[in-house]
Amino acid sequence: MPDELENILKKFGVKNISLAGPGAFARTVPKEILKKIMLNEKQKRDFLEFSYKFDKNQYVCGLGKDNLLVYGELE
């Protein structure tokens, strides 16, 4: 789980940890609607901007646990 991974990384000295579950929000939208959104540039831009923020939220990060993206720094 995301919180478990974050705790493990902290134990090894990783700082500034950022987690995201790419696609977590997109999986909540029916495929037909998603296709229509992607064909309209403004809707696509707005959707991707919102998705980026949603997918980085620590409370929904677990929704993307199958493809969890983690960023951190070792000092």
PDB file of N, CA and C in Angstrom:
ATOM      1  N   MET A   1       0.838  -1.181   0.000  1.00  0.00           N
ATOM      2  CA  MET A   1       0.000   0.000   0.000  1.00  0.00           C
ATOM      3  C   MET A   1       0.888   1.252   0.000  1.00  0.00           C
ATOM      4  N   PRO A   2       0.389   2.360  -0.505  1.00  0.00           N
ATOM      5  CA  PRO A   2       1.183   3.581  -0.594  1.00  0.00           C
ATOM      6  C   PRO A   2       1.798   4.027   0.728  1.00  0.00           C
ATOM      7  N   ASP A   3       1.030   3.994   1.802  1.00  0.00           N
ATOM      8  CA  ASP A   3       1.575   4.439   3.091  1.00  0.00           C
ATOM      9  C   ASP A   3       2.669   3.511   3.596  1.00  0.00           C
ATOM     10  N   GLU A   4       2.546   2.230   3.338  1.00  0.00           N
ATOM     11  CA  GLU A   4       3.581   1.276   3.740  1.00  0.00           C
ATOM     12  C   GLU A   4       4.875   1.529   2.964  1.00  0.00           C
ATOM     13  N   LEU A   5       4.738   1.763   1.672  1.00  0.00           N
ATOM     14  CA  LEU A   5       5.912   2.043   0.842  1.00  0.00           C
ATOM     15  C   LEU A   5       6.594   3.329   1.291  1.00  0.00           C
ATOM     16  N   GLU A   6       5.816   4.352   1.590  1.00  0.00           N
ATOM     17  CA  GLU A   6       6.378   5.616   2.052  1.00  0.00           C
ATOM     18  C   GLU A   6       7.156   5.426   3.350  1.00  0.00           C
ATOM     19  N   ASN A   7       6.613   4.648   4.280  1.00  0.00           N
ATOM     20  CA  ASN A   7       7.308   4.391   5.551  1.00  0.00           C
ATOM     21  C   ASN A   7       8.612   3.625   5.345  1.00  0.00           C
ATOM     22  N   ILE A   8       8.616   2.666   4.441  1.00  0.00           N
ATOM     23  CA  ILE A   8       9.836   1.914   4.140  1.00  0.00           C
ATOM     24  C   ILE A   8      10.897   2.843   3.572  1.00  0.00           C
ATOM     25  N   LEU A   9      10.509   3.689   2.632  1.00  0.00           N
ATOM     26  CA  LEU A   9      11.464   4.620   2.014  1.00  0.00           C
ATOM     27  C   LEU A   9      12.029   5.590   3.045  1.00  0.00           C
ATOM     28  N   LYS A  10      11.185   6.073   3.955  1.00  0.00           N
ATOM     29  CA  LYS A  10      11.648   6.981   5.009  1.00  0.00           C
ATOM     30  C   LYS A  10      12.693   6.305   5.887  1.00  0.00           C
ATOM     31  N   LYS A  11      12.501   5.015   6.196  1.00  0.00           N
ATOM     32  CA  LYS A  11      13.459   4.266   7.025  1.00  0.00           C
ATOM     33  C   LYS A  11      14.836   4.194   6.370  1.00  0.00           C
ATOM     34  N   PHE A  12      14.861   4.238   5.032  1.00  0.00           N
ATOM     35  CA  PHE A  12      16.123   4.181   4.299  1.00  0.00           C
ATOM     36  C   PHE A  12      16.655   5.565   3.943  1.00  0.00           C
ATOM     37  N   GLY A  13      16.080   6.604   4.546  1.00  0.00           N
ATOM     38  CA  GLY A  13      16.604   7.948   4.383  1.00  0.00           C
ATOM     39  C   GLY A  13      16.114   8.725   3.181  1.00  0.00           C
ATOM     40  N   VAL A  14      15.071   8.252   2.528  1.00  0.00           N
ATOM     41  CA  VAL A  14      14.538   8.978   1.380  1.00  0.00           C
ATOM     42  C   VAL A  14      13.727  10.171   1.894  1.00  0.00           C
ATOM     43  N   LYS A  15      13.964  11.341   1.317  1.00  0.00           N
ATOM     44  CA  LYS A  15      13.290  12.583   1.714  1.00  0.00           C
ATOM     45  C   LYS A  15      12.414  13.086   0.573  1.00  0.00           C
ATOM     46  N   ASN A  16      11.541  14.025   0.893  1.00  0.00           N
ATOM     47  CA  ASN A  16      10.678  14.666  -0.110  1.00  0.00           C
ATOM     48  C   ASN A  16       9.957  13.637  -0.973  1.00  0.00           C
ATOM     49  N   ILE A  17       9.320  12.705  -0.322  1.00  0.00           N
ATOM     50  CA  ILE A  17       8.624  11.623  -1.023  1.00  0.00           C
ATOM     51  C   ILE A  17       7.288  12.134  -1.569  1.00  0.00           C
ATOM     52  N   SER A  18       7.050  11.828  -2.822  1.00  0.00           N
ATOM     53  CA  SER A  18       5.796  12.182  -3.471  1.00  0.00           C
ATOM     54  C   SER A  18       5.243  10.929  -4.132  1.00  0.00           C
ATOM     55  N   LEU A  19       3.978  10.640  -3.865  1.00  0.00           N
ATOM     56  CA  LEU A  19       3.344   9.453  -4.434  1.00  0.00           C
ATOM     57  C   LEU A  19       2.179   9.871  -5.322  1.00  0.00           C
ATOM     58  N   ALA A  20       1.942   9.102  -6.351  1.00  0.00           N
ATOM     59  CA  ALA A  20       0.791   9.345  -7.221  1.00  0.00           C
ATOM     60  C   ALA A  20       0.297   8.013  -7.758  1.00  0.00           C
ATOM     61  N   GLY A  21      -0.971   7.960  -7.991  1.00  0.00           N
ATOM     62  CA  GLY A  21      -1.589   6.781  -8.591  1.00  0.00           C
ATOM     63  C   GLY A  21      -2.108   7.142  -9.968  1.00  0.00           C
ATOM     64  N   PRO A  22      -1.220   7.239 -10.961  1.00  0.00           N
ATOM     65  CA  PRO A  22      -1.645   7.659 -12.295  1.00  0.00           C
ATOM     66  C   PRO A  22      -2.827   6.833 -12.817  1.00  0.00           C
ATOM     67  N   GLY A  23      -3.829   7.545 -13.289  1.00  0.00           N
ATOM     68  CA  GLY A  23      -4.993   6.868 -13.842  1.00  0.00           C
ATOM     69  C   GLY A  23      -6.098   6.595 -12.846  1.00  0.00           C
ATOM     70  N   ALA A  24      -5.898   6.939 -11.583  1.00  0.00           N
ATOM     71  CA  ALA A  24      -6.916   6.656 -10.566  1.00  0.00           C
ATOM     72  C   ALA A  24      -8.234   7.342 -10.918  1.00  0.00           C
ATOM     73  N   PHE A  25      -8.174   8.620 -11.280  1.00  0.00           N
ATOM     74  CA  PHE A  25      -9.407   9.330 -11.617  1.00  0.00           C
ATOM     75  C   PHE A  25      -9.961   8.860 -12.961  1.00  0.00           C
ATOM     76  N   ALA A  26      -9.096   8.676 -13.931  1.00  0.00           N
ATOM     77  CA  ALA A  26      -9.542   8.285 -15.273  1.00  0.00           C
ATOM     78  C   ALA A  26     -10.321   6.969 -15.244  1.00  0.00           C
ATOM     79  N   ARG A  27      -9.978   6.073 -14.323  1.00  0.00           N
ATOM     80  CA  ARG A  27     -10.681   4.794 -14.240  1.00  0.00           C
ATOM     81  C   ARG A  27     -12.101   4.941 -13.709  1.00  0.00           C
ATOM     82  N   THR A  28     -12.442   6.123 -13.187  1.00  0.00           N
ATOM     83  CA  THR A  28     -13.798   6.337 -12.682  1.00  0.00           C
ATOM     84  C   THR A  28     -14.737   6.861 -13.771  1.00  0.00           C
ATOM     85  N   VAL A  29     -14.185   7.194 -14.935  1.00  0.00           N
ATOM     86  CA  VAL A  29     -14.976   7.764 -16.032  1.00  0.00           C
ATOM     87  C   VAL A  29     -15.218   6.681 -17.087  1.00  0.00           C
ATOM     88  N   PRO A  30     -16.477   6.520 -17.509  1.00  0.00           N
ATOM     89  CA  PRO A  30     -16.755   5.525 -18.556  1.00  0.00           C
ATOM     90  C   PRO A  30     -15.932   5.799 -19.827  1.00  0.00           C
ATOM     91  N   LYS A  31     -15.512   4.731 -20.460  1.00  0.00           N
ATOM     92  CA  LYS A  31     -14.630   4.820 -21.624  1.00  0.00           C
ATOM     93  C   LYS A  31     -15.213   5.695 -22.739  1.00  0.00           C
ATOM     94  N   GLU A  32     -16.522   5.624 -22.973  1.00  0.00           N
ATOM     95  CA  GLU A  32     -17.142   6.411 -24.044  1.00  0.00           C
ATOM     96  C   GLU A  32     -17.004   7.908 -23.763  1.00  0.00           C
ATOM     97  N   ILE A  33     -17.196   8.297 -22.506  1.00  0.00           N
ATOM     98  CA  ILE A  33     -17.080   9.706 -22.123  1.00  0.00           C
ATOM     99  C   ILE A  33     -15.622  10.150 -22.198  1.00  0.00           C
ATOM    100  N   LEU A  34     -14.729   9.297 -21.754  1.00  0.00           N
ATOM    101  CA  LEU A  34     -13.297   9.604 -21.800  1.00  0.00           C
ATOM    102  C   LEU A  34     -12.836   9.867 -23.232  1.00  0.00           C
ATOM    103  N   LYS A  35     -13.324   9.077 -24.177  1.00  0.00           N
ATOM    104  CA  LYS A  35     -12.981   9.270 -25.590  1.00  0.00           C
ATOM    105  C   LYS A  35     -13.454  10.637 -26.083  1.00  0.00           C
ATOM    106  N   LYS A  36     -14.675  11.033 -25.712  1.00  0.00           N
ATOM    107  CA  LYS A  36     -15.205  12.337 -26.125  1.00  0.00           C
ATOM    108  C   LYS A  36     -14.386  13.478 -25.524  1.00  0.00           C
ATOM    109  N   ILE A  37     -13.998  13.329 -24.260  1.00  0.00           N
ATOM    110  CA  ILE A  37     -13.185  14.356 -23.597  1.00  0.00           C
ATOM    111  C   ILE A  37     -11.853  14.525 -24.323  1.00  0.00           C
ATOM    112  N   MET A  38     -11.233  13.437 -24.704  1.00  0.00           N
ATOM    113  CA  MET A  38      -9.920  13.493 -25.344  1.00  0.00           C
ATOM    114  C   MET A  38      -9.971  14.105 -26.752  1.00  0.00           C
ATOM    115  N   LEU A  39     -11.134  14.163 -27.358  1.00  0.00           N
ATOM    116  CA  LEU A  39     -11.265  14.755 -28.697  1.00  0.00           C
ATOM    117  C   LEU A  39     -11.446  16.270 -28.655  1.00  0.00           C
ATOM    118  N   ASN A  40     -11.737  16.825 -27.496  1.00  0.00           N
ATOM    119  CA  ASN A  40     -11.918  18.266 -27.335  1.00  0.00           C
ATOM    120  C   ASN A  40     -10.715  18.808 -26.566  1.00  0.00           C
ATOM    121  N   GLU A  41      -9.945  19.689 -27.191  1.00  0.00           N
ATOM    122  CA  GLU A  41      -8.685  20.153 -26.585  1.00  0.00           C
ATOM    123  C   GLU A  41      -8.869  20.812 -25.219  1.00  0.00           C
ATOM    124  N   LYS A  42      -9.879  21.677 -25.055  1.00  0.00           N
ATOM    125  CA  LYS A  42     -10.080  22.342 -23.776  1.00  0.00           C
ATOM    126  C   LYS A  42     -10.500  21.334 -22.704  1.00  0.00           C
ATOM    127  N   GLN A  43     -11.457  20.466 -23.041  1.00  0.00           N
ATOM    128  CA  GLN A  43     -11.893  19.449 -22.083  1.00  0.00           C
ATOM    129  C   GLN A  43     -10.740  18.518 -21.719  1.00  0.00           C
ATOM    130  N   LYS A  44      -9.951  18.181 -22.704  1.00  0.00           N
ATOM    131  CA  LYS A  44      -8.799  17.303 -22.478  1.00  0.00           C
ATOM    132  C   LYS A  44      -7.808  17.961 -21.518  1.00  0.00           C
ATOM    133  N   ARG A  45      -7.477  19.221 -21.779  1.00  0.00           N
ATOM    134  CA  ARG A  45      -6.538  19.953 -20.924  1.00  0.00           C
ATOM    135  C   ARG A  45      -7.079  20.060 -19.494  1.00  0.00           C
ATOM    136  N   ASP A  46      -8.360  20.423 -19.359  1.00  0.00           N
ATOM    137  CA  ASP A  46      -8.982  20.540 -18.029  1.00  0.00           C
ATOM    138  C   ASP A  46      -9.021  19.194 -17.309  1.00  0.00           C
ATOM    139  N   PHE A  47      -9.368  18.157 -18.056  1.00  0.00           N
ATOM    140  CA  PHE A  47      -9.439  16.817 -17.473  1.00  0.00           C
ATOM    141  C   PHE A  47      -8.071  16.355 -16.981  1.00  0.00           C
ATOM    142  N   LEU A  48      -7.050  16.541 -17.805  1.00  0.00           N
ATOM    143  CA  LEU A  48      -5.706  16.104 -17.424  1.00  0.00           C
ATOM    144  C   LEU A  48      -5.171  16.899 -16.237  1.00  0.00           C
ATOM    145  N   GLU A  49      -5.480  18.200 -16.197  1.00  0.00           N
ATOM    146  CA  GLU A  49      -5.053  19.022 -15.065  1.00  0.00           C
ATOM    147  C   GLU A  49      -5.720  18.552 -13.772  1.00  0.00           C
ATOM    148  N   PHE A  50      -7.029  18.292 -13.833  1.00  0.00           N
ATOM    149  CA  PHE A  50      -7.731  17.813 -12.644  1.00  0.00           C
ATOM    150  C   PHE A  50      -7.238  16.421 -12.255  1.00  0.00           C
ATOM    151  N   SER A  51      -7.053  15.553 -13.240  1.00  0.00           N
ATOM    152  CA  SER A  51      -6.587  14.187 -12.970  1.00  0.00           C
ATOM    153  C   SER A  51      -5.238  14.187 -12.260  1.00  0.00           C
ATOM    154  N   TYR A  52      -4.343  15.066 -12.709  1.00  0.00           N
ATOM    155  CA  TYR A  52      -3.021  15.155 -12.106  1.00  0.00           C
ATOM    156  C   TYR A  52      -3.139  15.496 -10.620  1.00  0.00           C
ATOM    157  N   LYS A  53      -3.975  16.476 -10.302  1.00  0.00           N
ATOM    158  CA  LYS A  53      -4.172  16.864  -8.897  1.00  0.00           C
ATOM    159  C   LYS A  53      -4.847  15.746  -8.110  1.00  0.00           C
ATOM    160  N   PHE A  54      -5.867  15.146  -8.681  1.00  0.00           N
ATOM    161  CA  PHE A  54      -6.603  14.068  -8.016  1.00  0.00           C
ATOM    162  C   PHE A  54      -5.692  12.879  -7.729  1.00  0.00           C
ATOM    163  N   ASP A  55      -4.939  12.468  -8.729  1.00  0.00           N
ATOM    164  CA  ASP A  55      -4.091  11.276  -8.610  1.00  0.00           C
ATOM    165  C   ASP A  55      -2.960  11.449  -7.593  1.00  0.00           C
ATOM    166  N   LYS A  56      -2.570  12.705  -7.292  1.00  0.00           N
ATOM    167  CA  LYS A  56      -1.516  12.959  -6.308  1.00  0.00           C
ATOM    168  C   LYS A  56      -2.048  13.081  -4.890  1.00  0.00           C
ATOM    169  N   ASN A  57      -3.360  13.167  -4.722  1.00  0.00           N
ATOM    170  CA  ASN A  57      -3.949  13.303  -3.397  1.00  0.00           C
ATOM    171  C   ASN A  57      -3.666  12.036  -2.586  1.00  0.00           C
ATOM    172  N   GLN A  58      -3.135  12.217  -1.385  1.00  0.00           N
ATOM    173  CA  GLN A  58      -2.746  11.053  -0.577  1.00  0.00           C
ATOM    174  C   GLN A  58      -3.931  10.164  -0.212  1.00  0.00           C
ATOM    175  N   TYR A  59      -5.130  10.709  -0.203  1.00  0.00           N
ATOM    176  CA  TYR A  59      -6.297   9.919   0.180  1.00  0.00           C
ATOM    177  C   TYR A  59      -6.830   9.052  -0.948  1.00  0.00           C
ATOM    178  N   VAL A  60      -6.452   9.328  -2.182  1.00  0.00           N
ATOM    179  CA  VAL A  60      -6.887   8.502  -3.303  1.00  0.00           C
ATOM    180  C   VAL A  60      -5.716   7.778  -3.953  1.00  0.00           C
ATOM    181  N   CYS A  61      -4.539   7.975  -3.424  1.00  0.00           N
ATOM    182  CA  CYS A  61      -3.345   7.370  -4.013  1.00  0.00           C
ATOM    183  C   CYS A  61      -3.475   5.858  -4.099  1.00  0.00           C
ATOM    184  N   GLY A  62      -4.117   5.248  -3.156  1.00  0.00           N
ATOM    185  CA  GLY A  62      -4.296   3.802  -3.163  1.00  0.00           C
ATOM    186  C   GLY A  62      -5.149   3.304  -4.312  1.00  0.00           C
ATOM    187  N   LEU A  63      -5.965   4.185  -4.887  1.00  0.00           N
ATOM    188  CA  LEU A  63      -6.784   3.789  -6.030  1.00  0.00           C
ATOM    189  C   LEU A  63      -5.921   3.427  -7.228  1.00  0.00           C
ATOM    190  N   GLY A  64      -4.734   3.995  -7.276  1.00  0.00           N
ATOM    191  CA  GLY A  64      -3.821   3.701  -8.382  1.00  0.00           C
ATOM    192  C   GLY A  64      -2.697   2.780  -7.964  1.00  0.00           C
ATOM    193  N   LYS A  65      -2.940   1.980  -6.922  1.00  0.00           N
ATOM    194  CA  LYS A  65      -1.855   1.182  -6.349  1.00  0.00           C
ATOM    195  C   LYS A  65      -1.250   0.176  -7.314  1.00  0.00           C
ATOM    196  N   ASP A  66      -2.001  -0.203  -8.355  1.00  0.00           N
ATOM    197  CA  ASP A  66      -1.441  -1.143  -9.321  1.00  0.00           C
ATOM    198  C   ASP A  66      -0.381  -0.496 -10.190  1.00  0.00           C
ATOM    199  N   ASN A  67      -0.378   0.824 -10.233  1.00  0.00           N
ATOM    200  CA  ASN A  67       0.621   1.545 -11.010  1.00  0.00           C
ATOM    201  C   ASN A  67       1.071   2.775 -10.231  1.00  0.00           C
ATOM    202  N   LEU A  68       1.506   2.556  -9.035  1.00  0.00           N
ATOM    203  CA  LEU A  68       1.929   3.620  -8.131  1.00  0.00           C
ATOM    204  C   LEU A  68       3.259   4.213  -8.578  1.00  0.00           C
ATOM    205  N   LEU A  69       3.308   5.540  -8.651  1.00  0.00           N
ATOM    206  CA  LEU A  69       4.520   6.265  -9.024  1.00  0.00           C
ATOM    207  C   LEU A  69       5.052   6.950  -7.783  1.00  0.00           C
ATOM    208  N   VAL A  70       6.338   6.747  -7.500  1.00  0.00           N
ATOM    209  CA  VAL A  70       6.947   7.320  -6.304  1.00  0.00           C
ATOM    210  C   VAL A  70       8.176   8.117  -6.697  1.00  0.00           C
ATOM    211  N   TYR A  71       8.289   9.304  -6.102  1.00  0.00           N
ATOM    212  CA  TYR A  71       9.454  10.143  -6.324  1.00  0.00           C
ATOM    213  C   TYR A  71      10.026  10.497  -4.958  1.00  0.00           C
ATOM    214  N   GLY A  72      11.333  10.471  -4.833  1.00  0.00           N
ATOM    215  CA  GLY A  72      11.988  10.857  -3.584  1.00  0.00           C
ATOM    216  C   GLY A  72      13.439  11.197  -3.834  1.00  0.00           C
ATOM    217  N   GLU A  73      14.069  11.716  -2.795  1.00  0.00           N
ATOM    218  CA  GLU A  73      15.468  12.120  -2.912  1.00  0.00           C
ATOM    219  C   GLU A  73      16.289  11.455  -1.822  1.00  0.00           C
ATOM    220  N   LEU A  74      17.447  10.954  -2.202  1.00  0.00           N
ATOM    221  CA  LEU A  74      18.412  10.417  -1.254  1.00  0.00           C
ATOM    222  C   LEU A  74      19.479  11.467  -0.992  1.00  0.00           C
ATOM    223  N   GLU A  75      19.815  11.665   0.258  1.00  0.00           N
ATOM    224  CA  GLU A  75      20.835  12.651   0.570  1.00  0.00           C
ATOM    225  C   GLU A  75      22.150  11.965   0.876  1.00  0.00           C
TER     226      GLU A  75
END
